[in-house]
Amino acid sequence: METKQAKFNFGKSLLVPSVQELAKQHLTNNPDRYVHPGQESQAVSAIREAVPVIDAQKLISGDSMDSELQKLHSACQQWGFLQVMNHGVTPFLLEDFKREVIELFRLPMEEKKKLWQQEDNVEGFGQAFVLSEEQKLDWSDIFTVKTLPPRIRKVDLFQKLPSGLRCLSLRT
């Protein structure tokens, strides 16, 4: 019997509809593709509380550098993501960035379409790592853009970003 295996590629994702547009349809139930059987809010809560937190200041100080490096290593191996504190980014810059991202997601759909993912790339609006039509999806839209190093930046996508967000992306 032949089995089909999904080819995992960090640069590709199947295109999916905008969740924000689906929500405008005043659905009485979430579409089946967005319902994850057995998922309980307590499990999600427990994950939020357990996400590894890395202190960037401890990574550069002699006394606690080794233990913080070990925490970072473990977080990368076990979780694949982490929260960073004491990173030196000012609250003012973070608030500006947050405001610009909120405005990006409030753009009309016609403007978002100019920033939508292409079949061969996960950058833009959409969802990442959608490998099959049967795959369960998150009830969210994401926007992905690589800004650094500049040589990997998709200039055409980056230039379509609202100017405030473009400037903030270069400052961080």
N, C-alpha and C. Protein backbone atom coordinates (compact mmCIF):
# COMPACT_ATOMS: atom_id res chain seq x y z
N MET A 1 0.84 -1.17 0.00
CA MET A 1 0.00 0.00 0.00
C MET A 1 0.90 1.24 0.00
N GLU A 2 0.55 2.21 -0.82
CA GLU A 2 1.33 3.44 -0.93
C GLU A 2 0.84 4.46 0.10
N THR A 3 1.75 5.07 0.81
CA THR A 3 1.38 6.11 1.76
C THR A 3 1.82 7.46 1.24
N LYS A 4 1.02 8.46 1.54
CA LYS A 4 1.38 9.82 1.15
C LYS A 4 1.99 10.52 2.34
N GLN A 5 3.14 11.13 2.13
CA GLN A 5 3.78 11.89 3.18
C GLN A 5 3.81 13.34 2.77
N ALA A 6 3.49 14.21 3.70
CA ALA A 6 3.56 15.64 3.43
C ALA A 6 5.02 16.06 3.42
N LYS A 7 5.41 16.78 2.40
CA LYS A 7 6.77 17.29 2.33
C LYS A 7 6.83 18.57 3.16
N PHE A 8 7.69 18.59 4.17
CA PHE A 8 7.80 19.75 5.04
C PHE A 8 8.79 20.72 4.42
N ASN A 9 8.36 21.94 4.20
CA ASN A 9 9.19 22.95 3.58
C ASN A 9 8.93 24.27 4.29
N PHE A 10 9.97 24.87 4.86
CA PHE A 10 9.81 26.12 5.59
C PHE A 10 9.42 27.27 4.68
N GLY A 11 9.58 27.11 3.38
CA GLY A 11 9.31 28.22 2.47
C GLY A 11 7.96 28.14 1.80
N LYS A 12 7.18 27.10 2.04
CA LYS A 12 5.91 26.95 1.34
C LYS A 12 4.79 26.64 2.32
N SER A 13 3.58 27.03 1.92
CA SER A 13 2.39 26.74 2.70
C SER A 13 1.21 26.83 1.75
N LEU A 14 0.23 25.95 1.93
CA LEU A 14 -0.98 26.05 1.13
C LEU A 14 -1.71 27.33 1.51
N LEU A 15 -2.31 27.97 0.54
CA LEU A 15 -3.04 29.20 0.80
C LEU A 15 -4.40 28.88 1.41
N VAL A 16 -4.80 29.67 2.41
CA VAL A 16 -6.08 29.49 3.09
C VAL A 16 -6.81 30.82 3.15
N PRO A 17 -8.14 30.80 3.32
CA PRO A 17 -8.90 32.05 3.40
C PRO A 17 -8.57 32.84 4.66
N SER A 18 -8.85 34.12 4.61
CA SER A 18 -8.66 35.00 5.76
C SER A 18 -9.69 34.68 6.83
N VAL A 19 -9.23 34.47 8.06
CA VAL A 19 -10.13 34.23 9.18
C VAL A 19 -10.96 35.48 9.46
N GLN A 20 -10.35 36.65 9.32
CA GLN A 20 -11.10 37.89 9.54
C GLN A 20 -12.26 38.00 8.56
N GLU A 21 -12.07 37.56 7.34
CA GLU A 21 -13.15 37.58 6.35
C GLU A 21 -14.20 36.52 6.66
N LEU A 22 -13.77 35.34 7.11
CA LEU A 22 -14.73 34.31 7.51
C LEU A 22 -15.59 34.80 8.66
N ALA A 23 -14.98 35.49 9.61
CA ALA A 23 -15.72 35.99 10.79
C ALA A 23 -16.79 37.01 10.40
N LYS A 24 -16.59 37.72 9.33
CA LYS A 24 -17.58 38.71 8.87
C LYS A 24 -18.84 38.05 8.33
N GLN A 25 -18.78 36.75 8.07
CA GLN A 25 -19.92 36.04 7.51
C GLN A 25 -20.96 35.68 8.58
N HIS A 26 -20.72 36.04 9.82
CA HIS A 26 -21.64 35.76 10.93
C HIS A 26 -22.02 34.28 10.97
N LEU A 27 -21.00 33.44 10.99
CA LEU A 27 -21.21 32.00 11.04
C LEU A 27 -21.83 31.60 12.37
N THR A 28 -22.68 30.59 12.36
CA THR A 28 -23.26 30.10 13.61
C THR A 28 -22.32 29.10 14.27
N ASN A 29 -21.46 28.45 13.50
CA ASN A 29 -20.46 27.52 14.02
C ASN A 29 -19.15 27.76 13.29
N ASN A 30 -18.06 27.46 13.95
CA ASN A 30 -16.77 27.52 13.28
C ASN A 30 -16.72 26.43 12.21
N PRO A 31 -16.11 26.71 11.06
CA PRO A 31 -15.95 25.65 10.07
C PRO A 31 -15.14 24.49 10.65
N ASP A 32 -15.48 23.26 10.24
CA ASP A 32 -14.84 22.06 10.79
C ASP A 32 -13.32 22.13 10.76
N ARG A 33 -12.78 22.77 9.75
CA ARG A 33 -11.33 22.83 9.60
C ARG A 33 -10.67 23.59 10.76
N TYR A 34 -11.45 24.38 11.49
CA TYR A 34 -10.91 25.17 12.59
C TYR A 34 -11.28 24.61 13.96
N VAL A 35 -11.94 23.45 14.00
CA VAL A 35 -12.33 22.84 15.26
C VAL A 35 -11.33 21.73 15.58
N HIS A 36 -10.68 21.87 16.72
CA HIS A 36 -9.69 20.90 17.15
C HIS A 36 -10.32 20.02 18.22
N PRO A 37 -10.70 18.78 17.88
CA PRO A 37 -11.35 17.90 18.86
C PRO A 37 -10.47 17.67 20.08
N GLY A 38 -11.09 17.73 21.24
CA GLY A 38 -10.38 17.42 22.49
C GLY A 38 -9.53 18.56 23.03
N GLN A 39 -9.48 19.66 22.34
CA GLN A 39 -8.68 20.77 22.85
C GLN A 39 -9.45 21.45 23.97
N GLU A 40 -8.81 21.60 25.10
CA GLU A 40 -9.47 22.21 26.25
C GLU A 40 -8.76 23.48 26.65
N SER A 41 -9.53 24.46 27.08
CA SER A 41 -8.94 25.74 27.45
C SER A 41 -7.96 25.61 28.60
N GLN A 42 -8.14 24.63 29.49
CA GLN A 42 -7.20 24.44 30.60
C GLN A 42 -5.82 24.07 30.07
N ALA A 43 -5.78 23.26 29.03
CA ALA A 43 -4.49 22.87 28.45
C ALA A 43 -3.79 24.08 27.85
N VAL A 44 -4.53 24.93 27.18
CA VAL A 44 -3.96 26.14 26.60
C VAL A 44 -3.45 27.04 27.72
N SER A 45 -4.20 27.17 28.77
CA SER A 45 -3.80 27.97 29.92
C SER A 45 -2.51 27.45 30.53
N ALA A 46 -2.40 26.14 30.67
CA ALA A 46 -1.20 25.54 31.26
C ALA A 46 0.01 25.81 30.38
N ILE A 47 -0.16 25.77 29.08
CA ILE A 47 0.95 26.05 28.17
C ILE A 47 1.41 27.49 28.32
N ARG A 48 0.47 28.42 28.39
CA ARG A 48 0.82 29.83 28.54
C ARG A 48 1.66 30.05 29.79
N GLU A 49 1.30 29.38 30.87
CA GLU A 49 2.02 29.55 32.12
C GLU A 49 3.40 28.92 32.08
N ALA A 50 3.62 27.92 31.22
CA ALA A 50 4.87 27.18 31.20
C ALA A 50 5.84 27.64 30.11
N VAL A 51 5.46 28.58 29.27
CA VAL A 51 6.35 29.03 28.19
C VAL A 51 7.67 29.52 28.81
N PRO A 52 8.80 29.02 28.30
CA PRO A 52 10.09 29.42 28.87
C PRO A 52 10.34 30.92 28.73
N VAL A 53 10.88 31.50 29.78
CA VAL A 53 11.23 32.92 29.80
C VAL A 53 12.75 33.03 29.91
N ILE A 54 13.34 33.74 28.96
CA ILE A 54 14.79 33.92 28.94
C ILE A 54 15.10 35.37 29.25
N ASP A 55 16.03 35.59 30.16
CA ASP A 55 16.45 36.93 30.55
C ASP A 55 17.70 37.28 29.73
N ALA A 56 17.56 38.19 28.78
CA ALA A 56 18.67 38.55 27.90
C ALA A 56 19.85 39.13 28.68
N GLN A 57 19.58 39.84 29.77
CA GLN A 57 20.68 40.39 30.58
C GLN A 57 21.52 39.28 31.21
N LYS A 58 20.87 38.20 31.61
CA LYS A 58 21.61 37.08 32.20
C LYS A 58 22.47 36.36 31.16
N LEU A 59 22.09 36.46 29.90
CA LEU A 59 22.89 35.82 28.84
C LEU A 59 24.23 36.51 28.64
N ILE A 60 24.33 37.76 29.08
CA ILE A 60 25.59 38.48 28.89
C ILE A 60 26.33 38.75 30.20
N SER A 61 25.78 38.30 31.33
CA SER A 61 26.47 38.51 32.60
C SER A 61 27.18 37.23 33.02
N GLY A 62 28.35 37.36 33.55
CA GLY A 62 29.20 36.22 33.89
C GLY A 62 28.61 35.25 34.89
N ASP A 63 27.97 35.76 35.93
CA ASP A 63 27.51 34.90 37.02
C ASP A 63 26.43 33.89 36.60
N SER A 64 25.49 34.34 35.80
CA SER A 64 24.36 33.47 35.47
C SER A 64 24.29 33.10 33.99
N MET A 65 25.32 33.44 33.24
CA MET A 65 25.29 33.19 31.79
C MET A 65 25.12 31.70 31.46
N ASP A 66 25.88 30.83 32.12
CA ASP A 66 25.82 29.40 31.81
C ASP A 66 24.43 28.81 32.04
N SER A 67 23.82 29.14 33.18
CA SER A 67 22.49 28.58 33.47
C SER A 67 21.44 29.15 32.51
N GLU A 68 21.58 30.43 32.14
CA GLU A 68 20.60 31.02 31.21
C GLU A 68 20.78 30.46 29.81
N LEU A 69 22.04 30.20 29.42
CA LEU A 69 22.30 29.55 28.13
C LEU A 69 21.68 28.15 28.09
N GLN A 70 21.77 27.44 29.20
CA GLN A 70 21.16 26.11 29.29
C GLN A 70 19.64 26.21 29.16
N LYS A 71 19.03 27.21 29.82
CA LYS A 71 17.58 27.43 29.69
C LYS A 71 17.21 27.74 28.24
N LEU A 72 18.03 28.56 27.58
CA LEU A 72 17.78 28.91 26.18
C LEU A 72 17.88 27.67 25.30
N HIS A 73 18.91 26.88 25.51
CA HIS A 73 19.10 25.65 24.75
C HIS A 73 17.91 24.71 24.93
N SER A 74 17.50 24.53 26.17
CA SER A 74 16.37 23.66 26.47
C SER A 74 15.08 24.19 25.84
N ALA A 75 14.85 25.51 25.94
CA ALA A 75 13.64 26.10 25.35
C ALA A 75 13.60 25.86 23.84
N CYS A 76 14.74 26.02 23.20
CA CYS A 76 14.80 25.80 21.74
C CYS A 76 14.55 24.34 21.39
N GLN A 77 15.12 23.44 22.15
CA GLN A 77 14.94 22.01 21.88
C GLN A 77 13.54 21.52 22.22
N GLN A 78 13.04 21.90 23.40
CA GLN A 78 11.79 21.36 23.90
C GLN A 78 10.55 22.09 23.38
N TRP A 79 10.65 23.40 23.19
CA TRP A 79 9.49 24.21 22.85
C TRP A 79 9.52 24.74 21.42
N GLY A 80 10.67 25.22 20.99
CA GLY A 80 10.76 25.84 19.68
C GLY A 80 10.42 27.32 19.70
N PHE A 81 10.07 27.85 20.86
CA PHE A 81 9.80 29.28 21.01
C PHE A 81 9.98 29.63 22.48
N LEU A 82 10.05 30.93 22.76
CA LEU A 82 10.28 31.39 24.12
C LEU A 82 9.90 32.86 24.23
N GLN A 83 9.86 33.33 25.47
CA GLN A 83 9.63 34.74 25.75
C GLN A 83 10.95 35.33 26.23
N VAL A 84 11.29 36.52 25.75
CA VAL A 84 12.53 37.17 26.15
C VAL A 84 12.19 38.41 26.97
N MET A 85 12.87 38.57 28.12
CA MET A 85 12.70 39.76 28.94
C MET A 85 14.06 40.45 29.09
N ASN A 86 14.04 41.69 29.52
CA ASN A 86 15.26 42.48 29.69
C ASN A 86 16.09 42.53 28.40
N HIS A 87 15.39 42.73 27.28
CA HIS A 87 16.03 42.72 25.96
C HIS A 87 16.50 44.09 25.53
N GLY A 88 16.13 45.14 26.25
CA GLY A 88 16.60 46.47 25.92
C GLY A 88 15.76 47.24 24.92
N VAL A 89 14.70 46.63 24.40
CA VAL A 89 13.81 47.35 23.49
C VAL A 89 12.89 48.21 24.36
N THR A 90 12.83 49.49 24.07
CA THR A 90 12.07 50.40 24.92
C THR A 90 10.57 50.15 24.83
N PRO A 91 9.87 50.38 25.93
CA PRO A 91 8.41 50.25 25.89
C PRO A 91 7.78 51.17 24.83
N PHE A 92 8.35 52.34 24.62
CA PHE A 92 7.84 53.27 23.61
C PHE A 92 7.89 52.64 22.21
N LEU A 93 9.03 52.02 21.88
CA LEU A 93 9.16 51.38 20.58
C LEU A 93 8.21 50.19 20.46
N LEU A 94 8.07 49.41 21.52
CA LEU A 94 7.14 48.28 21.50
C LEU A 94 5.69 48.74 21.30
N GLU A 95 5.29 49.82 21.96
CA GLU A 95 3.93 50.35 21.79
C GLU A 95 3.71 50.87 20.37
N ASP A 96 4.70 51.55 19.82
CA ASP A 96 4.60 52.02 18.42
C ASP A 96 4.44 50.83 17.48
N PHE A 97 5.24 49.81 17.69
CA PHE A 97 5.18 48.63 16.84
C PHE A 97 3.82 47.94 16.95
N LYS A 98 3.34 47.80 18.18
CA LYS A 98 2.03 47.18 18.41
C LYS A 98 0.93 47.96 17.69
N ARG A 99 0.96 49.28 17.79
CA ARG A 99 -0.03 50.12 17.13
C ARG A 99 0.02 49.94 15.60
N GLU A 100 1.21 49.88 15.05
CA GLU A 100 1.36 49.70 13.60
C GLU A 100 0.87 48.33 13.15
N VAL A 101 1.13 47.30 13.94
CA VAL A 101 0.67 45.95 13.59
C VAL A 101 -0.86 45.87 13.65
N ILE A 102 -1.46 46.49 14.66
CA ILE A 102 -2.92 46.53 14.75
C ILE A 102 -3.50 47.20 13.50
N GLU A 103 -2.90 48.29 13.08
CA GLU A 103 -3.36 48.99 11.87
C GLU A 103 -3.18 48.12 10.63
N LEU A 104 -2.10 47.35 10.58
CA LEU A 104 -1.87 46.44 9.45
C LEU A 104 -3.02 45.44 9.34
N PHE A 105 -3.45 44.88 10.47
CA PHE A 105 -4.52 43.89 10.44
C PHE A 105 -5.89 44.53 10.22
N ARG A 106 -6.00 45.84 10.39
CA ARG A 106 -7.26 46.54 10.13
C ARG A 106 -7.37 47.02 8.69
N LEU A 107 -6.35 46.81 7.88
CA LEU A 107 -6.43 47.23 6.49
C LEU A 107 -7.62 46.56 5.80
N PRO A 108 -8.23 47.25 4.84
CA PRO A 108 -9.29 46.60 4.07
C PRO A 108 -8.75 45.38 3.31
N MET A 109 -9.61 44.42 3.04
CA MET A 109 -9.19 43.19 2.39
C MET A 109 -8.48 43.45 1.06
N GLU A 110 -8.92 44.44 0.32
CA GLU A 110 -8.27 44.75 -0.96
C GLU A 110 -6.80 45.12 -0.76
N GLU A 111 -6.51 45.83 0.32
CA GLU A 111 -5.12 46.19 0.63
C GLU A 111 -4.34 44.97 1.13
N LYS A 112 -5.00 44.13 1.93
CA LYS A 112 -4.34 42.93 2.44
C LYS A 112 -3.99 41.97 1.30
N LYS A 113 -4.83 41.92 0.29
CA LYS A 113 -4.55 41.02 -0.84
C LYS A 113 -3.21 41.34 -1.49
N LYS A 114 -2.80 42.60 -1.45
CA LYS A 114 -1.51 43.00 -2.01
C LYS A 114 -0.36 42.43 -1.18
N LEU A 115 -0.67 42.05 0.05
CA LEU A 115 0.32 41.53 0.98
C LEU A 115 0.11 40.04 1.29
N TRP A 116 -0.75 39.37 0.50
CA TRP A 116 -1.09 37.98 0.79
C TRP A 116 0.05 37.05 0.40
N GLN A 117 0.13 35.92 1.09
CA GLN A 117 1.14 34.91 0.79
C GLN A 117 1.02 34.45 -0.66
N GLN A 118 2.13 34.08 -1.21
CA GLN A 118 2.17 33.42 -2.52
C GLN A 118 2.36 31.93 -2.25
N GLU A 119 2.01 31.10 -3.21
CA GLU A 119 2.08 29.65 -2.98
C GLU A 119 3.48 29.15 -2.62
N ASP A 120 4.50 29.83 -3.09
CA ASP A 120 5.86 29.35 -2.85
C ASP A 120 6.55 30.04 -1.68
N ASN A 121 5.78 30.73 -0.83
CA ASN A 121 6.40 31.52 0.21
C ASN A 121 5.45 31.72 1.39
N VAL A 122 5.95 31.64 2.61
CA VAL A 122 5.10 31.85 3.79
C VAL A 122 5.01 33.31 4.20
N GLU A 123 5.76 34.19 3.55
CA GLU A 123 5.71 35.60 3.93
C GLU A 123 4.44 36.26 3.42
N GLY A 124 3.88 37.13 4.24
CA GLY A 124 2.65 37.83 3.91
C GLY A 124 1.52 37.40 4.84
N PHE A 125 0.29 37.81 4.51
CA PHE A 125 -0.88 37.40 5.28
C PHE A 125 -1.24 35.96 4.94
N GLY A 126 -1.76 35.25 5.91
CA GLY A 126 -2.20 33.87 5.70
C GLY A 126 -1.93 33.05 6.94
N GLN A 127 -1.59 31.80 6.75
CA GLN A 127 -1.16 30.92 7.84
C GLN A 127 0.06 30.16 7.35
N ALA A 128 0.97 29.88 8.25
CA ALA A 128 2.20 29.19 7.88
C ALA A 128 2.06 27.69 8.12
N PHE A 129 2.82 26.94 7.36
CA PHE A 129 2.95 25.49 7.53
C PHE A 129 1.65 24.74 7.34
N VAL A 130 0.82 25.20 6.42
CA VAL A 130 -0.37 24.45 6.05
C VAL A 130 0.08 23.47 4.96
N LEU A 131 0.08 22.20 5.30
CA LEU A 131 0.66 21.19 4.42
C LEU A 131 -0.37 20.34 3.69
N SER A 132 -1.63 20.36 4.16
CA SER A 132 -2.65 19.56 3.47
C SER A 132 -4.01 20.23 3.61
N GLU A 133 -4.92 19.85 2.75
CA GLU A 133 -6.28 20.40 2.77
C GLU A 133 -7.07 19.90 3.98
N GLU A 134 -6.63 18.80 4.59
CA GLU A 134 -7.33 18.24 5.75
C GLU A 134 -6.80 18.78 7.07
N GLN A 135 -5.69 19.46 7.05
CA GLN A 135 -5.04 19.94 8.26
C GLN A 135 -5.93 20.90 9.04
N LYS A 136 -5.98 20.71 10.36
CA LYS A 136 -6.72 21.62 11.23
C LYS A 136 -5.96 22.95 11.29
N LEU A 137 -6.70 24.04 11.28
CA LEU A 137 -6.09 25.36 11.26
C LEU A 137 -6.42 26.14 12.52
N ASP A 138 -5.58 27.11 12.83
CA ASP A 138 -5.86 28.02 13.94
C ASP A 138 -6.85 29.07 13.47
N TRP A 139 -7.68 29.53 14.39
CA TRP A 139 -8.68 30.56 14.08
C TRP A 139 -7.98 31.91 14.20
N SER A 140 -7.07 32.15 13.26
CA SER A 140 -6.32 33.40 13.27
C SER A 140 -5.67 33.62 11.92
N ASP A 141 -5.40 34.87 11.63
CA ASP A 141 -4.57 35.22 10.49
C ASP A 141 -3.21 35.63 11.04
N ILE A 142 -2.18 35.40 10.27
CA ILE A 142 -0.85 35.87 10.67
C ILE A 142 -0.27 36.70 9.54
N PHE A 143 0.74 37.46 9.86
CA PHE A 143 1.50 38.17 8.85
C PHE A 143 2.97 37.90 9.15
N THR A 144 3.66 37.37 8.17
CA THR A 144 5.07 37.04 8.33
C THR A 144 5.89 37.83 7.33
N VAL A 145 6.94 38.45 7.81
CA VAL A 145 7.88 39.13 6.92
C VAL A 145 9.27 39.03 7.56
N LYS A 146 10.23 38.67 6.76
CA LYS A 146 11.61 38.60 7.24
C LYS A 146 12.25 39.95 6.97
N THR A 147 12.81 40.55 8.01
CA THR A 147 13.42 41.87 7.85
C THR A 147 14.94 41.83 7.93
N LEU A 148 15.48 40.88 8.66
CA LEU A 148 16.92 40.80 8.82
C LEU A 148 17.39 39.37 8.64
N PRO A 149 18.55 39.16 8.11
CA PRO A 149 19.42 40.13 7.50
C PRO A 149 18.82 40.67 6.20
N PRO A 150 19.19 41.87 5.82
CA PRO A 150 18.58 42.49 4.63
C PRO A 150 18.66 41.65 3.36
N ARG A 151 19.66 40.80 3.23
CA ARG A 151 19.81 40.01 1.99
C ARG A 151 18.69 39.00 1.79
N ILE A 152 17.96 38.62 2.86
CA ILE A 152 16.85 37.65 2.70
C ILE A 152 15.50 38.35 2.61
N ARG A 153 15.50 39.67 2.77
CA ARG A 153 14.26 40.44 2.75
C ARG A 153 13.65 40.39 1.34
N LYS A 154 12.35 40.13 1.29
CA LYS A 154 11.61 40.18 0.03
C LYS A 154 11.26 41.65 -0.19
N VAL A 155 12.06 42.33 -0.97
CA VAL A 155 11.94 43.77 -1.14
C VAL A 155 10.55 44.16 -1.62
N ASP A 156 9.98 43.40 -2.55
CA ASP A 156 8.66 43.77 -3.08
C ASP A 156 7.59 43.73 -2.00
N LEU A 157 7.61 42.74 -1.13
CA LEU A 157 6.65 42.66 -0.03
C LEU A 157 6.93 43.75 1.01
N PHE A 158 8.18 43.89 1.37
CA PHE A 158 8.56 44.87 2.38
C PHE A 158 8.15 46.27 1.96
N GLN A 159 8.31 46.61 0.69
CA GLN A 159 7.97 47.95 0.21
C GLN A 159 6.46 48.19 0.19
N LYS A 160 5.66 47.14 0.22
CA LYS A 160 4.20 47.30 0.24
C LYS A 160 3.66 47.53 1.65
N LEU A 161 4.50 47.35 2.66
CA LEU A 161 4.06 47.58 4.04
C LEU A 161 3.79 49.07 4.25
N PRO A 162 2.84 49.39 5.14
CA PRO A 162 2.65 50.80 5.50
C PRO A 162 3.97 51.39 5.98
N SER A 163 4.24 52.64 5.64
CA SER A 163 5.55 53.23 5.90
C SER A 163 5.93 53.21 7.38
N GLY A 164 4.98 53.45 8.29
CA GLY A 164 5.30 53.44 9.72
C GLY A 164 5.83 52.08 10.17
N LEU A 165 5.23 51.03 9.69
CA LEU A 165 5.66 49.68 10.06
C LEU A 165 7.01 49.36 9.44
N ARG A 166 7.21 49.79 8.22
CA ARG A 166 8.49 49.58 7.55
C ARG A 166 9.63 50.23 8.35
N CYS A 167 9.41 51.47 8.77
CA CYS A 167 10.43 52.20 9.53
C CYS A 167 10.70 51.53 10.87
N LEU A 168 9.64 51.12 11.57
CA LEU A 168 9.82 50.47 12.87
C LEU A 168 10.54 49.13 12.73
N SER A 169 10.27 48.41 11.66
CA SER A 169 10.92 47.11 11.44
C SER A 169 12.42 47.30 11.28
N LEU A 170 12.83 48.39 10.70
CA LEU A 170 14.25 48.64 10.52
C LEU A 170 14.93 49.07 11.81
N ARG A 171 14.17 49.66 12.74
CA ARG A 171 14.74 50.15 14.00
C ARG A 171 14.94 49.04 15.01
N THR A 172 14.19 47.94 14.92
CA THR A 172 14.27 46.92 15.96
C THR A 172 15.46 46.01 15.76
